[in-house]
Amino acid sequence: MLDHDLKKPLKDCLTPIDFFVRGDLTIKENLRFLQGRHLEHKIIYFYVVDENHKLLGIVPTRKMLLCKPDTLIETIMDQNVIRANIDQTVLEAIEMMEKKRLLAIPVVDEDGRLLGAIDVQTYLEDSFNAADTQHRIDVFQMIGLTLEEGKKISVKQGYRLRMPWIFCNMIGGLLCAIISRYNEVVLSKVLILAFFIPLVLTLSESISMQSMTQSLQTVKNSKTSFKYLYLRAIKEWKIVFLIALSSGLTIGSASLLWGDGIKPSFVIGFGILISVMLSSIFGTLIPILLHSKKLDPKVASGPVVLTLADVLTTFLYLSLASWWLL
């Protein structure tokens, strides 16, 4: 839980930084300077400043220890530093940390001078080991939940945020109803098909959400290559094919117990195989597409994938039945 008011300005909540180094000095010179200071914080990286205390970059502790003593700091520092401005709020800074998975963010003034830092651990009740990857994931999940609680949205805002996705699901349901109405002849003649519609839809929805979850995990890393995405997608579709084949054979065989013959059972089994595979393909590709368009795949993927899974499954299942049985 956060102990501080998230709307406070950063200037009221800064942690002083006593582990900064000069970019125009060597590692040996900077270490000699640091040895004379009393450092109270865990040091994951050092902040690099110039003579005017402007933030220039950061140097991981590991580099400081492993590089040659006569190496200039400015030659090994990382200049791409995520930083917060003193005019921002605590909430905005922690959102940046949560998004970028950072343990701390330096805070600078309007001239870029280093004033202090905002540390994740300051805003959590329990301490944690920065080297424990799973614990870090849990920490950022905790921050995400707390941030959501801290955003006091009104009833109207909540309605506007959530209703579009519910509307998306309603459109999908209406389209499924239209497809069923168009294929009412085959449903009336082969009643067993109607019995299995909920099961076929459930299988497609479940697989589509599983594939979507796998895809979301893959696109979380913005540096993921196309080749890696392709290989992960192919692996997912191979797994789903085995699941779809097993499901189709199992349910198709079970439907024989209704005594309507081999043809309806074939439609049910083959319909499950095709619809589950297509649902998996859409579940995998939609998060990747949204990610490529710089949209948040976590927000929009679920409703879109489920709607497509329902509509495609209903269309394929009943179209196959009409073609094969009428």
Foldseek 3Di string as FASTA:
>chain_A
DFPDQQQAFVVVPFDADDQAAEQAAFLLVRVVVSVVDDDDDDDQWHFYAHPVQATQFIGGPVCSVPDDRRHGNNVRGDRPADAAERRGTNLVQLVVCLLVVHQKHFYAYPVRHTDGIDGLQNGDPDDDDPVPVVVSVVSSVVSVVVSVVSPDDDPVVVCVQPVVLVVLQVVLVVLLVVLCVVLVVLCVVDVLLVVCLVVLLVLQLVLLQVLLVQLLVQPSDVPRDPVNLVVSLVVSLVVQLVVLLVVLVVQLVVSCVVVPDNQLSNLSSVLSNVLNSVLSVLSNVVLVVCVVVVHHCVRPSNSVSSSVSSNVSSNSSSVSSVVRPD
